[in-house]
Amino acid sequence: MPQEQHMDESPVRQIDITAETCPMTFVRTRLALDRMAPGEILEVLMKGEEPRRNVPRTAQEQGHAVLSVVEEAGGLTRLRLRKAGG
């Protein structure tokens, strides 16, 4: 029987901000987080150095947890955030 341990690490919502530029990269991320319940996980697909640096930093400054930042082919980055608890 498969283990359920990783179930709470599955993203509840996913957004693609690869076409966005700062400051819209974090605006779109924040809007998605605002629509989620505390503790839920958001996966953000982004492209470029500026969002890769700024989106995780800004999310942490607002109290959200950065679970992972994974570099992928073609300059894409997959970021996983856990929304701050209420």
C-alpha atoms as a PDB file:
ATOM      1  CA  MET A   1       0.000   0.000   0.000  1.00  0.00           C
ATOM      2  CA  PRO A   2       1.449   3.439  -0.911  1.00  0.00           C
ATOM      3  CA  GLN A   3       2.508   5.674   1.930  1.00  0.00           C
ATOM      4  CA  GLU A   4       0.545   8.875   2.467  1.00  0.00           C
ATOM      5  CA  GLN A   5       3.467  10.887   3.880  1.00  0.00           C
ATOM      6  CA  HIS A   6       3.936  13.013   0.783  1.00  0.00           C
ATOM      7  CA  MET A   7       0.270  13.877   0.351  1.00  0.00           C
ATOM      8  CA  ASP A   8       0.483  17.094   2.361  1.00  0.00           C
ATOM      9  CA  GLU A   9       3.434  18.208   0.230  1.00  0.00           C
ATOM     10  CA  SER A  10       1.383  18.101  -2.986  1.00  0.00           C
ATOM     11  CA  PRO A  11       0.577  21.501  -4.458  1.00  0.00           C
ATOM     12  CA  VAL A  12      -3.035  22.574  -4.041  1.00  0.00           C
ATOM     13  CA  ARG A  13      -2.662  25.208  -6.718  1.00  0.00           C
ATOM     14  CA  GLN A  14      -0.222  25.855  -9.548  1.00  0.00           C
ATOM     15  CA  ILE A  15       0.445  29.074 -11.458  1.00  0.00           C
ATOM     16  CA  ASP A  16       2.630  29.846 -14.465  1.00  0.00           C
ATOM     17  CA  ILE A  17       4.235  33.300 -14.362  1.00  0.00           C
ATOM     18  CA  THR A  18       6.860  32.647 -17.043  1.00  0.00           C
ATOM     19  CA  ALA A  19       5.435  35.445 -19.234  1.00  0.00           C
ATOM     20  CA  GLU A  20       5.324  38.002 -16.377  1.00  0.00           C
ATOM     21  CA  THR A  21       7.934  40.597 -15.438  1.00  0.00           C
ATOM     22  CA  CYS A  22       8.619  42.193 -12.063  1.00  0.00           C
ATOM     23  CA  PRO A  23       6.711  43.410 -10.139  1.00  0.00           C
ATOM     24  CA  MET A  24       3.857  41.350 -11.642  1.00  0.00           C
ATOM     25  CA  THR A  25       5.655  38.087 -10.861  1.00  0.00           C
ATOM     26  CA  PHE A  26       5.068  38.489  -7.141  1.00  0.00           C
ATOM     27  CA  VAL A  27       1.697  40.214  -7.570  1.00  0.00           C
ATOM     28  CA  ARG A  28       0.382  37.106  -9.362  1.00  0.00           C
ATOM     29  CA  THR A  29       1.984  34.859  -6.722  1.00  0.00           C
ATOM     30  CA  ARG A  30       0.480  36.871  -3.871  1.00  0.00           C
ATOM     31  CA  LEU A  31      -2.992  36.842  -5.446  1.00  0.00           C
ATOM     32  CA  ALA A  32      -2.801  33.055  -5.721  1.00  0.00           C
ATOM     33  CA  LEU A  33      -1.659  32.743  -2.084  1.00  0.00           C
ATOM     34  CA  ASP A  34      -4.466  35.065  -0.942  1.00  0.00           C
ATOM     35  CA  ARG A  35      -7.020  32.630  -2.393  1.00  0.00           C
ATOM     36  CA  MET A  36      -5.565  29.668  -0.501  1.00  0.00           C
ATOM     37  CA  ALA A  37      -6.030  28.360   3.025  1.00  0.00           C
ATOM     38  CA  PRO A  38      -3.143  28.540   5.530  1.00  0.00           C
ATOM     39  CA  GLY A  39      -0.789  25.573   5.137  1.00  0.00           C
ATOM     40  CA  GLU A  40      -1.730  24.872   1.527  1.00  0.00           C
ATOM     41  CA  ILE A  41       1.037  24.563  -1.053  1.00  0.00           C
ATOM     42  CA  LEU A  42       1.421  26.704  -4.163  1.00  0.00           C
ATOM     43  CA  GLU A  43       3.662  25.697  -7.037  1.00  0.00           C
ATOM     44  CA  VAL A  44       4.946  28.587  -9.153  1.00  0.00           C
ATOM     45  CA  LEU A  45       6.547  28.093 -12.562  1.00  0.00           C
ATOM     46  CA  MET A  46       8.721  31.087 -13.440  1.00  0.00           C
ATOM     47  CA  LYS A  47      11.473  32.059 -15.834  1.00  0.00           C
ATOM     48  CA  GLY A  48      14.424  34.388 -15.466  1.00  0.00           C
ATOM     49  CA  GLU A  49      16.926  35.442 -12.846  1.00  0.00           C
ATOM     50  CA  GLU A  50      14.913  38.307 -11.347  1.00  0.00           C
ATOM     51  CA  PRO A  51      11.805  36.296 -10.371  1.00  0.00           C
ATOM     52  CA  ARG A  52      14.004  33.384  -9.218  1.00  0.00           C
ATOM     53  CA  ARG A  53      15.690  35.741  -6.740  1.00  0.00           C
ATOM     54  CA  ASN A  54      12.780  37.986  -5.784  1.00  0.00           C
ATOM     55  CA  VAL A  55       9.653  35.815  -5.580  1.00  0.00           C
ATOM     56  CA  PRO A  56      10.992  33.366  -2.931  1.00  0.00           C
ATOM     57  CA  ARG A  57      12.565  36.228  -0.921  1.00  0.00           C
ATOM     58  CA  THR A  58       9.384  38.312  -0.948  1.00  0.00           C
ATOM     59  CA  ALA A  59       7.245  35.296  -0.059  1.00  0.00           C
ATOM     60  CA  GLN A  60       9.495  34.570   2.947  1.00  0.00           C
ATOM     61  CA  GLU A  61       9.341  38.210   4.025  1.00  0.00           C
ATOM     62  CA  GLN A  62       5.561  37.860   4.136  1.00  0.00           C
ATOM     63  CA  GLY A  63       5.834  34.773   6.340  1.00  0.00           C
ATOM     64  CA  HIS A  64       5.329  32.012   3.765  1.00  0.00           C
ATOM     65  CA  ALA A  65       7.644  28.975   3.737  1.00  0.00           C
ATOM     66  CA  VAL A  66       9.813  28.200   0.710  1.00  0.00           C
ATOM     67  CA  LEU A  67       9.699  24.402   0.381  1.00  0.00           C
ATOM     68  CA  SER A  68      11.819  24.050  -2.749  1.00  0.00           C
ATOM     69  CA  VAL A  69      13.350  25.923  -5.663  1.00  0.00           C
ATOM     70  CA  VAL A  70      14.165  23.605  -8.563  1.00  0.00           C
ATOM     71  CA  GLU A  71      16.009  24.743 -11.674  1.00  0.00           C
ATOM     72  CA  GLU A  72      14.686  23.075 -14.819  1.00  0.00           C
ATOM     73  CA  ALA A  73      15.685  23.004 -18.487  1.00  0.00           C
ATOM     74  CA  GLY A  74      15.281  26.139 -20.545  1.00  0.00           C
ATOM     75  CA  GLY A  75      15.814  28.553 -17.666  1.00  0.00           C
ATOM     76  CA  LEU A  76      12.605  27.553 -15.898  1.00  0.00           C
ATOM     77  CA  THR A  77      12.353  27.469 -12.114  1.00  0.00           C
ATOM     78  CA  ARG A  78       9.723  25.552 -10.145  1.00  0.00           C
ATOM     79  CA  LEU A  79       9.082  27.123  -6.726  1.00  0.00           C
ATOM     80  CA  ARG A  80       6.961  25.506  -4.019  1.00  0.00           C
ATOM     81  CA  LEU A  81       5.566  27.673  -1.223  1.00  0.00           C
ATOM     82  CA  ARG A  82       3.516  26.830   1.869  1.00  0.00           C
ATOM     83  CA  LYS A  83       1.069  29.587   2.738  1.00  0.00           C
ATOM     84  CA  ALA A  84       1.632  31.079   6.178  1.00  0.00           C
ATOM     85  CA  GLY A  85      -0.670  29.877   8.911  1.00  0.00           C
ATOM     86  CA  GLY A  86      -3.514  32.120  10.003  1.00  0.00           C
END
